[in-house]
C-alpha atoms as a PDB file:
ATOM      1  CA  MET A   1       0.581 -13.005 -28.009  1.00  0.00           C
ATOM      2  CA  ASN A   2       2.001 -10.151 -30.883  1.00  0.00           C
ATOM      3  CA  GLN A   3       2.350  -7.166 -29.196  1.00  0.00           C
ATOM      4  CA  SER A   4       2.526  -5.105 -32.614  1.00  0.00           C
ATOM      5  CA  LEU A   5      -1.072  -5.916 -33.019  1.00  0.00           C
ATOM      6  CA  TRP A   6      -1.967  -3.804 -29.717  1.00  0.00           C
ATOM      7  CA  SER A   7       0.351  -0.865 -30.863  1.00  0.00           C
ATOM      8  CA  LEU A   8       0.563   2.729 -32.604  1.00  0.00           C
ATOM      9  CA  SER A   9       4.002   2.852 -32.728  1.00  0.00           C
ATOM     10  CA  GLY A  10       5.457   4.416 -35.590  1.00  0.00           C
ATOM     11  CA  GLN A  11       2.274   6.157 -36.979  1.00  0.00           C
ATOM     12  CA  ARG A  12       1.014   9.361 -37.494  1.00  0.00           C
ATOM     13  CA  ALA A  13      -2.269  10.853 -36.808  1.00  0.00           C
ATOM     14  CA  LEU A  14      -4.310  14.123 -37.423  1.00  0.00           C
ATOM     15  CA  VAL A  15      -6.833  14.684 -34.860  1.00  0.00           C
ATOM     16  CA  THR A  16      -9.256  17.300 -34.688  1.00  0.00           C
ATOM     17  CA  GLY A  17     -10.902  18.872 -31.632  1.00  0.00           C
ATOM     18  CA  GLY A  18      -7.972  17.524 -30.074  1.00  0.00           C
ATOM     19  CA  THR A  19      -7.657  19.572 -27.183  1.00  0.00           C
ATOM     20  CA  LYS A  20     -10.632  19.002 -25.158  1.00  0.00           C
ATOM     21  CA  GLY A  21     -13.172  16.122 -24.265  1.00  0.00           C
ATOM     22  CA  ILE A  22     -13.171  13.101 -26.417  1.00  0.00           C
ATOM     23  CA  GLY A  23     -10.470  14.617 -28.999  1.00  0.00           C
ATOM     24  CA  GLU A  24      -7.759  15.031 -25.858  1.00  0.00           C
ATOM     25  CA  ALA A  25      -8.135  11.733 -24.818  1.00  0.00           C
ATOM     26  CA  ILE A  26      -7.883  10.022 -28.150  1.00  0.00           C
ATOM     27  CA  VAL A  27      -4.935  12.354 -28.219  1.00  0.00           C
ATOM     28  CA  ARG A  28      -3.315  11.176 -25.109  1.00  0.00           C
ATOM     29  CA  GLN A  29      -3.896   7.521 -25.801  1.00  0.00           C
ATOM     30  CA  PHE A  30      -2.606   7.304 -29.071  1.00  0.00           C
ATOM     31  CA  LEU A  31       0.643   9.115 -27.658  1.00  0.00           C
ATOM     32  CA  ASP A  32       0.756   6.600 -25.197  1.00  0.00           C
ATOM     33  CA  LEU A  33       0.322   3.679 -27.606  1.00  0.00           C
ATOM     34  CA  GLY A  34       3.539   4.785 -29.560  1.00  0.00           C
ATOM     35  CA  ALA A  35       2.000   7.181 -32.075  1.00  0.00           C
ATOM     36  CA  ALA A  36       2.773  11.010 -33.640  1.00  0.00           C
ATOM     37  CA  ALA A  37      -0.128  13.372 -33.324  1.00  0.00           C
ATOM     38  CA  PHE A  38      -1.122  16.539 -34.880  1.00  0.00           C
ATOM     39  CA  ILE A  39      -3.720  18.195 -33.144  1.00  0.00           C
ATOM     40  CA  VAL A  40      -5.887  20.680 -34.667  1.00  0.00           C
ATOM     41  CA  ALA A  41      -8.416  22.807 -32.570  1.00  0.00           C
ATOM     42  CA  ARG A  42      -9.543  26.711 -32.594  1.00  0.00           C
ATOM     43  CA  ASP A  43      -8.143  27.725 -29.302  1.00  0.00           C
ATOM     44  CA  ASN A  44      -4.351  28.664 -30.095  1.00  0.00           C
ATOM     45  CA  ASP A  45      -3.615  29.168 -26.429  1.00  0.00           C
ATOM     46  CA  LEU A  46      -4.760  25.819 -24.891  1.00  0.00           C
ATOM     47  CA  LEU A  47      -3.342  24.070 -28.311  1.00  0.00           C
ATOM     48  CA  GLN A  48       0.095  25.761 -27.718  1.00  0.00           C
ATOM     49  CA  GLN A  49       0.135  24.447 -23.816  1.00  0.00           C
ATOM     50  CA  GLN A  50      -0.880  21.046 -24.604  1.00  0.00           C
ATOM     51  CA  LEU A  51       1.699  20.566 -27.128  1.00  0.00           C
ATOM     52  CA  ALA A  52       4.125  21.741 -24.804  1.00  0.00           C
ATOM     53  CA  TYR A  53       3.160  19.591 -22.146  1.00  0.00           C
ATOM     54  CA  TYR A  54       3.447  16.330 -24.610  1.00  0.00           C
ATOM     55  CA  ARG A  55       6.611  17.296 -26.060  1.00  0.00           C
ATOM     56  CA  GLN A  56       7.745  17.559 -22.092  1.00  0.00           C
ATOM     57  CA  GLN A  57       6.858  13.964 -21.917  1.00  0.00           C
ATOM     58  CA  GLY A  58       8.541  13.150 -24.985  1.00  0.00           C
ATOM     59  CA  HIS A  59       5.872  12.444 -27.211  1.00  0.00           C
ATOM     60  CA  THR A  60       5.868  14.052 -30.942  1.00  0.00           C
ATOM     61  CA  VAL A  61       3.567  16.043 -31.352  1.00  0.00           C
ATOM     62  CA  GLU A  62       2.454  19.273 -33.753  1.00  0.00           C
ATOM     63  CA  GLY A  63      -0.482  21.325 -34.359  1.00  0.00           C
ATOM     64  CA  LEU A  64      -2.523  23.939 -35.936  1.00  0.00           C
ATOM     65  CA  ALA A  65      -5.037  26.439 -34.255  1.00  0.00           C
ATOM     66  CA  ALA A  66      -7.942  26.156 -37.239  1.00  0.00           C
ATOM     67  CA  ASP A  67     -11.291  26.181 -37.587  1.00  0.00           C
ATOM     68  CA  VAL A  68     -12.512  22.965 -39.366  1.00  0.00           C
ATOM     69  CA  GLY A  69     -15.843  24.239 -40.146  1.00  0.00           C
ATOM     70  CA  GLU A  70     -14.064  27.296 -42.389  1.00  0.00           C
ATOM     71  CA  PRO A  71     -14.039  26.944 -45.841  1.00  0.00           C
ATOM     72  CA  GLY A  72     -10.827  26.076 -47.373  1.00  0.00           C
ATOM     73  CA  ALA A  73      -9.868  24.633 -43.971  1.00  0.00           C
ATOM     74  CA  ALA A  74      -9.385  21.046 -44.980  1.00  0.00           C
ATOM     75  CA  THR A  75      -6.672  21.784 -47.659  1.00  0.00           C
ATOM     76  CA  ASN A  76      -4.967  24.048 -45.148  1.00  0.00           C
ATOM     77  CA  ILE A  77      -4.632  21.263 -42.640  1.00  0.00           C
ATOM     78  CA  ILE A  78      -3.789  18.863 -44.862  1.00  0.00           C
ATOM     79  CA  ASP A  79      -0.699  21.084 -46.010  1.00  0.00           C
ATOM     80  CA  ALA A  80       0.183  21.614 -42.879  1.00  0.00           C
ATOM     81  CA  VAL A  81       0.634  17.925 -41.979  1.00  0.00           C
ATOM     82  CA  GLN A  82       2.715  17.452 -44.976  1.00  0.00           C
ATOM     83  CA  SER A  83       5.027  20.357 -44.154  1.00  0.00           C
ATOM     84  CA  VAL A  84       6.102  18.546 -40.864  1.00  0.00           C
ATOM     85  CA  TRP A  85       5.898  15.127 -42.058  1.00  0.00           C
ATOM     86  CA  THR A  86       6.071  12.938 -45.051  1.00  0.00           C
ATOM     87  CA  GLY A  87       3.026  11.017 -44.720  1.00  0.00           C
ATOM     88  CA  LEU A  88      -0.269  10.524 -42.628  1.00  0.00           C
ATOM     89  CA  ASP A  89      -1.496   7.054 -41.273  1.00  0.00           C
ATOM     90  CA  ILE A  90      -4.901   8.204 -39.133  1.00  0.00           C
ATOM     91  CA  LEU A  91      -7.403  10.655 -39.421  1.00  0.00           C
ATOM     92  CA  VAL A  92      -9.943  11.035 -36.881  1.00  0.00           C
ATOM     93  CA  ASN A  93     -12.831  13.411 -37.828  1.00  0.00           C
ATOM     94  CA  ASN A  94     -13.825  14.323 -33.909  1.00  0.00           C
ATOM     95  CA  ALA A  95     -14.104  17.955 -34.148  1.00  0.00           C
ATOM     96  CA  GLY A  96     -17.987  18.435 -33.384  1.00  0.00           C
ATOM     97  CA  THR A  97     -20.667  21.199 -32.327  1.00  0.00           C
ATOM     98  CA  ASN A  98     -24.267  21.948 -31.610  1.00  0.00           C
ATOM     99  CA  ILE A  99     -26.941  24.250 -31.036  1.00  0.00           C
ATOM    100  CA  ARG A 100     -29.968  22.706 -28.880  1.00  0.00           C
ATOM    101  CA  LYS A 101     -33.200  24.028 -30.009  1.00  0.00           C
ATOM    102  CA  PRO A 102     -36.512  22.953 -31.377  1.00  0.00           C
ATOM    103  CA  THR A 103     -36.244  22.484 -35.251  1.00  0.00           C
ATOM    104  CA  ALA A 104     -38.949  25.287 -35.824  1.00  0.00           C
ATOM    105  CA  ASN A 105     -36.422  27.488 -34.181  1.00  0.00           C
ATOM    106  CA  TYR A 106     -33.570  26.939 -36.698  1.00  0.00           C
ATOM    107  CA  THR A 107     -31.593  29.383 -38.338  1.00  0.00           C
ATOM    108  CA  PRO A 108     -30.192  29.268 -41.898  1.00  0.00           C
ATOM    109  CA  ALA A 109     -26.905  30.578 -39.890  1.00  0.00           C
ATOM    110  CA  ASP A 110     -27.313  27.714 -37.308  1.00  0.00           C
ATOM    111  CA  TYR A 111     -27.985  24.973 -39.907  1.00  0.00           C
ATOM    112  CA  ASP A 112     -24.592  26.013 -41.976  1.00  0.00           C
ATOM    113  CA  HIS A 113     -22.769  26.305 -38.631  1.00  0.00           C
ATOM    114  CA  ILE A 114     -23.323  22.514 -37.707  1.00  0.00           C
ATOM    115  CA  LEU A 115     -23.226  20.958 -40.815  1.00  0.00           C
ATOM    116  CA  ASN A 116     -20.077  22.641 -41.934  1.00  0.00           C
ATOM    117  CA  THR A 117     -18.417  22.071 -38.326  1.00  0.00           C
ATOM    118  CA  ASN A 118     -19.703  18.380 -38.180  1.00  0.00           C
ATOM    119  CA  LEU A 119     -20.149  16.931 -41.603  1.00  0.00           C
ATOM    120  CA  ARG A 120     -18.528  18.945 -43.892  1.00  0.00           C
ATOM    121  CA  SER A 121     -15.267  19.247 -42.500  1.00  0.00           C
ATOM    122  CA  ALA A 122     -15.522  15.336 -41.803  1.00  0.00           C
ATOM    123  CA  TYR A 123     -15.874  14.896 -45.822  1.00  0.00           C
ATOM    124  CA  GLU A 124     -13.538  17.432 -46.867  1.00  0.00           C
ATOM    125  CA  LEU A 125     -10.627  16.453 -44.643  1.00  0.00           C
ATOM    126  CA  SER A 126     -11.163  12.627 -45.489  1.00  0.00           C
ATOM    127  CA  GLN A 127     -11.102  13.400 -49.032  1.00  0.00           C
ATOM    128  CA  ALA A 128      -7.925  15.713 -48.755  1.00  0.00           C
ATOM    129  CA  ALA A 129      -6.219  12.988 -46.587  1.00  0.00           C
ATOM    130  CA  TYR A 130      -7.048  10.114 -49.036  1.00  0.00           C
ATOM    131  CA  PRO A 131      -3.660  10.254 -50.882  1.00  0.00           C
ATOM    132  CA  LEU A 132      -1.598  10.489 -47.768  1.00  0.00           C
ATOM    133  CA  LEU A 133      -3.543   7.685 -46.278  1.00  0.00           C
ATOM    134  CA  LYS A 134      -3.456   5.527 -49.515  1.00  0.00           C
ATOM    135  CA  ALA A 135       0.384   5.628 -49.289  1.00  0.00           C
ATOM    136  CA  SER A 136       0.749   4.838 -45.644  1.00  0.00           C
ATOM    137  CA  GLU A 137       3.203   2.010 -45.164  1.00  0.00           C
ATOM    138  CA  HIS A 138       0.530   0.630 -42.105  1.00  0.00           C
ATOM    139  CA  ILE A 139      -2.636   0.708 -43.856  1.00  0.00           C
ATOM    140  CA  GLY A 140      -4.842   4.126 -43.716  1.00  0.00           C
ATOM    141  CA  LYS A 141      -7.583   4.016 -41.209  1.00  0.00           C
ATOM    142  CA  ILE A 142      -9.947   6.930 -40.504  1.00  0.00           C
ATOM    143  CA  VAL A 143     -12.646   7.291 -37.412  1.00  0.00           C
ATOM    144  CA  MET A 144     -15.142   9.183 -37.045  1.00  0.00           C
ATOM    145  CA  VAL A 145     -16.877  10.335 -34.034  1.00  0.00           C
ATOM    146  CA  SER A 146     -20.331  10.317 -34.614  1.00  0.00           C
ATOM    147  CA  SER A 147     -22.828   9.692 -32.355  1.00  0.00           C
ATOM    148  CA  VAL A 148     -26.097   7.642 -30.680  1.00  0.00           C
ATOM    149  CA  SER A 149     -27.900  10.937 -32.212  1.00  0.00           C
ATOM    150  CA  GLY A 150     -26.928   9.605 -35.623  1.00  0.00           C
ATOM    151  CA  LEU A 151     -29.170   5.947 -34.857  1.00  0.00           C
ATOM    152  CA  THR A 152     -32.076   7.331 -32.631  1.00  0.00           C
ATOM    153  CA  HIS A 153     -34.019  10.122 -31.736  1.00  0.00           C
ATOM    154  CA  THR A 154     -32.175  11.962 -28.368  1.00  0.00           C
ATOM    155  CA  SER A 155     -32.860  15.771 -27.213  1.00  0.00           C
ATOM    156  CA  SER A 156     -30.140  16.678 -29.108  1.00  0.00           C
ATOM    157  CA  GLY A 157     -31.601  18.674 -31.963  1.00  0.00           C
ATOM    158  CA  SER A 158     -32.053  17.593 -35.294  1.00  0.00           C
ATOM    159  CA  LEU A 159     -29.290  19.214 -36.946  1.00  0.00           C
ATOM    160  CA  TYR A 160     -27.068  17.731 -35.155  1.00  0.00           C
ATOM    161  CA  GLY A 161     -28.567  14.493 -35.445  1.00  0.00           C
ATOM    162  CA  MET A 162     -29.211  14.495 -38.953  1.00  0.00           C
ATOM    163  CA  THR A 163     -24.929  15.281 -39.077  1.00  0.00           C
ATOM    164  CA  LYS A 164     -23.899  12.449 -36.848  1.00  0.00           C
ATOM    165  CA  ALA A 165     -26.249  10.146 -39.059  1.00  0.00           C
ATOM    166  CA  ALA A 166     -24.531  11.432 -42.552  1.00  0.00           C
ATOM    167  CA  MET A 167     -21.282  10.847 -40.986  1.00  0.00           C
ATOM    168  CA  LEU A 168     -22.132   7.129 -40.466  1.00  0.00           C
ATOM    169  CA  GLN A 169     -23.112   6.749 -43.685  1.00  0.00           C
ATOM    170  CA  LEU A 170     -20.267   8.396 -45.322  1.00  0.00           C
ATOM    171  CA  THR A 171     -18.338   5.919 -43.249  1.00  0.00           C
ATOM    172  CA  ARG A 172     -19.921   2.744 -45.103  1.00  0.00           C
ATOM    173  CA  ASN A 173     -19.364   4.627 -48.582  1.00  0.00           C
ATOM    174  CA  LEU A 174     -15.759   5.148 -47.956  1.00  0.00           C
ATOM    175  CA  ALA A 175     -14.901   2.047 -46.120  1.00  0.00           C
ATOM    176  CA  VAL A 176     -16.227   0.314 -49.645  1.00  0.00           C
ATOM    177  CA  GLU A 177     -14.895   2.725 -52.048  1.00  0.00           C
ATOM    178  CA  TRP A 178     -11.350   3.030 -50.709  1.00  0.00           C
ATOM    179  CA  ALA A 179     -10.970  -0.905 -49.211  1.00  0.00           C
ATOM    180  CA  LYS A 180      -9.063  -1.218 -52.217  1.00  0.00           C
ATOM    181  CA  ASP A 181      -6.934   1.382 -51.648  1.00  0.00           C
ATOM    182  CA  ASN A 182      -5.813   0.085 -48.309  1.00  0.00           C
ATOM    183  CA  ILE A 183      -7.920   2.402 -46.127  1.00  0.00           C
ATOM    184  CA  ARG A 184      -9.873   1.352 -43.305  1.00  0.00           C
ATOM    185  CA  VAL A 185     -13.304   3.474 -42.658  1.00  0.00           C
ATOM    186  CA  ASN A 186     -14.999   3.029 -39.315  1.00  0.00           C
ATOM    187  CA  ALA A 187     -16.772   5.289 -36.341  1.00  0.00           C
ATOM    188  CA  VAL A 188     -17.776   5.499 -32.865  1.00  0.00           C
ATOM    189  CA  ALA A 189     -21.325   6.464 -31.875  1.00  0.00           C
ATOM    190  CA  PRO A 190     -20.888   7.652 -28.053  1.00  0.00           C
ATOM    191  CA  TRP A 191     -23.713   8.526 -25.712  1.00  0.00           C
ATOM    192  CA  TYR A 192     -23.451  11.109 -23.104  1.00  0.00           C
ATOM    193  CA  ILE A 193     -20.028  11.569 -21.961  1.00  0.00           C
ATOM    194  CA  LYS A 194     -18.230  14.044 -19.647  1.00  0.00           C
ATOM    195  CA  THR A 195     -17.000  16.690 -22.207  1.00  0.00           C
ATOM    196  CA  PRO A 196     -17.305  20.400 -21.899  1.00  0.00           C
ATOM    197  CA  LEU A 197     -20.020  20.145 -24.816  1.00  0.00           C
ATOM    198  CA  ALA A 198     -22.014  17.912 -23.191  1.00  0.00           C
ATOM    199  CA  SER A 199     -21.809  19.877 -19.512  1.00  0.00           C
ATOM    200  CA  PRO A 200     -24.404  22.052 -20.262  1.00  0.00           C
ATOM    201  CA  VAL A 201     -26.847  18.975 -20.266  1.00  0.00           C
ATOM    202  CA  LEU A 202     -24.999  16.864 -17.753  1.00  0.00           C
ATOM    203  CA  ASN A 203     -25.296  20.012 -14.937  1.00  0.00           C
ATOM    204  CA  ASN A 204     -28.935  20.215 -15.348  1.00  0.00           C
ATOM    205  CA  PRO A 205     -30.105  17.320 -12.254  1.00  0.00           C
ATOM    206  CA  GLU A 206     -33.649  17.351 -14.351  1.00  0.00           C
ATOM    207  CA  LYS A 207     -31.973  16.159 -17.578  1.00  0.00           C
ATOM    208  CA  LEU A 208     -28.951  13.981 -16.007  1.00  0.00           C
ATOM    209  CA  THR A 209     -31.685  12.147 -14.067  1.00  0.00           C
ATOM    210  CA  GLY A 210     -33.473  11.246 -17.801  1.00  0.00           C
ATOM    211  CA  ILE A 211     -30.116  10.697 -19.122  1.00  0.00           C
ATOM    212  CA  LEU A 212     -29.587   8.001 -16.475  1.00  0.00           C
ATOM    213  CA  SER A 213     -33.155   6.658 -16.485  1.00  0.00           C
ATOM    214  CA  ARG A 214     -32.550   5.197 -19.934  1.00  0.00           C
ATOM    215  CA  THR A 215     -28.898   3.983 -19.919  1.00  0.00           C
ATOM    216  CA  PRO A 216     -28.769   0.672 -18.441  1.00  0.00           C
ATOM    217  CA  MET A 217     -25.584   1.295 -17.124  1.00  0.00           C
ATOM    218  CA  GLN A 218     -26.670   3.588 -14.877  1.00  0.00           C
ATOM    219  CA  ARG A 219     -23.453   6.235 -15.948  1.00  0.00           C
ATOM    220  CA  VAL A 220     -22.238   8.841 -18.013  1.00  0.00           C
ATOM    221  CA  GLY A 221     -19.383   7.540 -20.373  1.00  0.00           C
ATOM    222  CA  GLU A 222     -16.050   8.576 -19.644  1.00  0.00           C
ATOM    223  CA  PRO A 223     -13.722  10.288 -22.707  1.00  0.00           C
ATOM    224  CA  GLU A 224     -11.064   7.650 -22.043  1.00  0.00           C
ATOM    225  CA  GLU A 225     -13.956   5.077 -23.045  1.00  0.00           C
ATOM    226  CA  VAL A 226     -14.645   6.265 -26.317  1.00  0.00           C
ATOM    227  CA  ALA A 227     -10.782   6.702 -26.656  1.00  0.00           C
ATOM    228  CA  SER A 228     -10.115   3.146 -26.526  1.00  0.00           C
ATOM    229  CA  VAL A 229     -12.430   2.151 -28.876  1.00  0.00           C
ATOM    230  CA  VAL A 230     -10.746   4.609 -31.605  1.00  0.00           C
ATOM    231  CA  SER A 231      -7.404   3.557 -30.366  1.00  0.00           C
ATOM    232  CA  PHE A 232      -8.347  -0.461 -31.262  1.00  0.00           C
ATOM    233  CA  LEU A 233     -10.193   0.621 -34.687  1.00  0.00           C
ATOM    234  CA  CYS A 234      -6.559   1.980 -35.809  1.00  0.00           C
ATOM    235  CA  MET A 235      -4.433  -0.762 -34.281  1.00  0.00           C
ATOM    236  CA  PRO A 236      -3.352  -3.947 -36.501  1.00  0.00           C
ATOM    237  CA  ALA A 237      -5.716  -6.012 -34.412  1.00  0.00           C
ATOM    238  CA  SER A 238      -8.705  -4.766 -35.559  1.00  0.00           C
ATOM    239  CA  GLY A 239      -7.137  -5.359 -39.324  1.00  0.00           C
ATOM    240  CA  TYR A 240     -10.317  -6.740 -40.580  1.00  0.00           C
ATOM    241  CA  VAL A 241     -12.855  -4.273 -39.438  1.00  0.00           C
ATOM    242  CA  THR A 242     -13.855  -1.713 -41.898  1.00  0.00           C
ATOM    243  CA  GLY A 243     -17.185   0.121 -42.487  1.00  0.00           C
ATOM    244  CA  GLN A 244     -18.654  -0.620 -38.995  1.00  0.00           C
ATOM    245  CA  THR A 245     -20.409   1.664 -36.021  1.00  0.00           C
ATOM    246  CA  ILE A 246     -19.342   1.210 -32.611  1.00  0.00           C
ATOM    247  CA  SER A 247     -21.658   2.551 -30.309  1.00  0.00           C
ATOM    248  CA  VAL A 248     -19.891   3.676 -26.668  1.00  0.00           C
ATOM    249  CA  ASP A 249     -23.212   4.307 -24.851  1.00  0.00           C
ATOM    250  CA  GLY A 250     -23.598   2.476 -21.762  1.00  0.00           C
ATOM    251  CA  GLY A 251     -26.559  -0.265 -23.084  1.00  0.00           C
ATOM    252  CA  LEU A 252     -28.834   2.924 -24.436  1.00  0.00           C
ATOM    253  CA  LEU A 253     -29.209   1.259 -27.980  1.00  0.00           C
ATOM    254  CA  ALA A 254     -29.956  -1.975 -26.568  1.00  0.00           C
ATOM    255  CA  TRP A 255     -32.562  -1.042 -24.219  1.00  0.00           C
ATOM    256  CA  GLY A 256     -35.725  -1.245 -26.355  1.00  0.00           C
ATOM    257  CA  PHE A 257     -38.144  -0.357 -23.515  1.00  0.00           C
END
């Protein structure tokens, strides 16, 4: 077997929201697979702790404390990447947030916060990273961390659902538009995963029972299980895969009844 097909050796990856939950699992797997990682997160103290730990393990890591939803964040992030690296091979748009409310109760501030963090950041970072990904010697890759909430109704709220659905359409559009530039664009759509963002729901016994009742595998997912799919989508082994959404949902979407 050609081991290089299943490696990220020599590749440089930018991961947003990379200090917690799914993002942290993605960073750890990328590093173990031989990649260098540039981590973006809001909590600078946690970011610096993790950068120090990874460096002690011999990994190549850089980072920037930033809120991806702020105006101009994408340009600042890509400028920071270019200040330490000569290029970029992988972009993972993972940063996300949510405010769970009935639609009638959302405020304009809620709308702006969720759309800017989940969708605008993914669009603007993809746009800003485009020249670097186009120049990649490894073929550029973008992975959007969306959600099953972008594919079906869940209790996560309409604003969250519509941003995650828009990420999937952005994935398809960019995959087609940028194929000629040797950039592959794919998405993952997780169901409930054991992350800090999901903990308020998972810690509610009644809600957890409802989640498990709709999940054929009868359990909540692990961050590493999402990270493994993201890693595959960035490997040479998935070289003919683009414009796709892979659900990591324990069978949720396949269960019609």
